[in-house]
Amino acid sequence: MNKNNELTRSDIVIDRDMEIDCDIGQIVTAYVETWFDVDKKFGTNTADDDDVWLNLYAKFNVPEDTLRLEYVICKSDNHEYHDYTPTEAETQLIKTMMREKCEEVYCCTLEEFIAPDEVPGMEVSQ
């Protein structure tokens, strides 16, 4: 993270498995690997307990060009869901990285990814 506590490219990796929201078909969800101190970033306390971890998800509404982040604190007996509002720089970084990952893995743009009729073999997750 930079000095402003903002995520940088070296802090995250976008997972190759992306899913399309089945309700409206225009939101692409991706797991975001966290290579930074999640407790410092989100004000959580996961480092002291091996049975607690944090998962971060990016939800990119491609046509509306909006991004929402959600982190989930996973415990053995429950899951806590929290929204995180990224900074403008983080938003642009994650959108760019999701676009790059889609091109790399699926050989198409995110716009093509959410339009299953245009990309052979692509189906909307149900």
Protein backbone atom coordinates (compact mmCIF):
# COMPACT_ATOMS: atom_id res chain seq x y z
CA MET A 1 0.00 0.00 0.00
CA ASN A 2 1.18 3.50 -0.62
CA LYS A 3 1.64 6.11 2.08
CA ASN A 4 -2.06 7.05 1.83
CA ASN A 5 -3.04 3.45 2.65
CA GLU A 6 -4.22 2.97 -0.95
CA LEU A 7 -3.86 -0.36 -2.71
CA THR A 8 -1.27 -0.63 -5.46
CA ARG A 9 -0.78 -3.19 -8.24
CA SER A 10 1.70 -5.12 -6.11
CA ASP A 11 -0.88 -5.52 -3.31
CA ILE A 12 -3.51 -7.50 -5.22
CA VAL A 13 -4.03 -10.16 -7.86
CA ILE A 14 -7.30 -10.68 -9.70
CA ASP A 15 -8.27 -14.36 -9.73
CA ARG A 16 -8.77 -15.97 -13.12
CA ASP A 17 -12.26 -17.25 -12.27
CA MET A 18 -14.75 -14.49 -12.97
CA GLU A 19 -18.49 -14.87 -12.67
CA ILE A 20 -21.35 -12.97 -14.23
CA ASP A 21 -24.20 -11.93 -11.95
CA CYS A 22 -27.15 -14.07 -12.97
CA ASP A 23 -29.78 -11.49 -11.98
CA ILE A 24 -28.97 -8.70 -14.40
CA GLY A 25 -26.07 -10.19 -16.34
CA GLN A 26 -23.86 -7.12 -16.33
CA ILE A 27 -21.89 -7.40 -13.09
CA VAL A 28 -18.64 -9.34 -13.18
CA THR A 29 -17.47 -10.62 -9.81
CA ALA A 30 -13.86 -11.56 -9.19
CA TYR A 31 -11.99 -12.76 -6.14
CA VAL A 32 -9.15 -10.39 -5.27
CA GLU A 33 -6.08 -12.01 -3.74
CA THR A 34 -4.82 -9.85 -0.90
CA TRP A 35 -1.06 -9.40 -0.64
CA PHE A 36 -1.29 -6.60 1.92
CA ASP A 37 -2.08 -6.17 5.61
CA VAL A 38 -5.87 -6.56 5.54
CA ASP A 39 -6.17 -5.69 9.22
CA LYS A 40 -4.43 -2.36 8.66
CA LYS A 41 -6.48 -1.61 5.54
CA PHE A 42 -9.94 -2.62 6.78
CA GLY A 43 -9.56 -2.20 10.54
CA THR A 44 -10.16 -5.89 11.15
CA ASN A 45 -8.41 -8.29 13.50
CA THR A 46 -7.67 -11.51 11.61
CA ALA A 47 -3.90 -11.93 12.01
CA ASP A 48 -4.01 -13.30 15.55
CA ASP A 49 -6.43 -16.15 14.81
CA ASP A 50 -5.58 -18.90 12.31
CA ASP A 51 -9.27 -19.81 12.06
CA VAL A 52 -10.23 -16.35 10.79
CA TRP A 53 -9.46 -14.97 7.37
CA LEU A 54 -10.63 -12.28 4.99
CA ASN A 55 -11.78 -12.71 1.39
CA LEU A 56 -12.09 -9.69 -0.91
CA TYR A 57 -14.40 -9.54 -3.94
CA ALA A 58 -14.69 -6.95 -6.69
CA LYS A 59 -18.09 -6.45 -8.34
CA PHE A 60 -17.73 -4.49 -11.57
CA ASN A 61 -20.92 -3.30 -13.29
CA VAL A 62 -19.43 -3.09 -16.76
CA PRO A 63 -22.10 -1.07 -18.64
CA GLU A 64 -22.43 1.42 -15.80
CA ASP A 65 -18.64 1.47 -15.21
CA THR A 66 -19.07 1.21 -11.44
CA LEU A 67 -17.11 -0.89 -8.98
CA ARG A 68 -18.10 -2.16 -5.56
CA LEU A 69 -15.81 -4.04 -3.20
CA GLU A 70 -16.98 -6.44 -0.54
CA TYR A 71 -14.86 -8.21 2.03
CA VAL A 72 -15.96 -11.24 3.97
CA ILE A 73 -14.52 -12.13 7.36
CA CYS A 74 -14.69 -15.90 7.48
CA LYS A 75 -14.80 -17.71 10.80
CA SER A 76 -15.44 -21.35 11.56
CA ASP A 77 -19.00 -20.60 12.71
CA ASN A 78 -20.06 -17.59 10.60
CA HIS A 79 -19.25 -15.09 7.86
CA GLU A 80 -19.43 -11.32 8.21
CA TYR A 81 -20.01 -9.29 5.03
CA HIS A 82 -18.77 -5.71 4.71
CA ASP A 83 -18.72 -3.17 1.91
CA TYR A 84 -15.56 -1.22 1.21
CA THR A 85 -15.64 1.99 -0.79
CA PRO A 86 -12.40 2.12 -2.78
CA THR A 87 -10.63 5.37 -3.51
CA GLU A 88 -10.75 6.65 -7.08
CA ALA A 89 -7.21 5.37 -7.68
CA GLU A 90 -8.10 1.94 -6.27
CA THR A 91 -11.26 1.86 -8.38
CA GLN A 92 -9.36 2.59 -11.58
CA LEU A 93 -6.63 0.09 -10.69
CA ILE A 94 -9.04 -2.77 -10.02
CA LYS A 95 -11.13 -2.05 -13.12
CA THR A 96 -7.95 -2.07 -15.21
CA MET A 97 -6.69 -5.27 -13.62
CA MET A 98 -10.05 -7.01 -14.14
CA ARG A 99 -10.03 -5.97 -17.80
CA GLU A 100 -6.47 -7.27 -18.18
CA LYS A 101 -7.32 -10.59 -16.50
CA CYS A 102 -10.37 -11.08 -18.70
CA GLU A 103 -8.28 -10.49 -21.84
CA GLU A 104 -5.55 -12.82 -20.55
CA VAL A 105 -7.80 -15.70 -19.47
CA TYR A 106 -10.87 -15.44 -21.69
CA CYS A 107 -9.33 -13.63 -24.70
CA CYS A 108 -12.13 -11.07 -24.74
CA THR A 109 -13.13 -7.76 -23.25
CA LEU A 110 -15.39 -7.56 -20.22
CA GLU A 111 -18.10 -6.22 -22.52
CA GLU A 112 -17.83 -9.39 -24.61
CA PHE A 113 -17.62 -11.53 -21.47
CA ILE A 114 -21.04 -10.35 -20.27
CA ALA A 115 -22.57 -10.81 -23.74
CA PRO A 116 -22.63 -14.64 -24.01
CA ASP A 117 -24.17 -14.53 -27.49
CA GLU A 118 -21.05 -12.85 -28.84
CA VAL A 119 -18.41 -15.12 -27.30
CA PRO A 120 -18.48 -18.83 -28.21
CA GLY A 121 -18.67 -21.10 -25.18
CA MET A 122 -19.49 -18.35 -22.70
CA GLU A 123 -22.53 -18.81 -20.52
CA VAL A 124 -24.03 -16.72 -17.78
CA SER A 125 -23.62 -18.41 -14.37
CA GLN A 126 -26.92 -19.56 -12.92
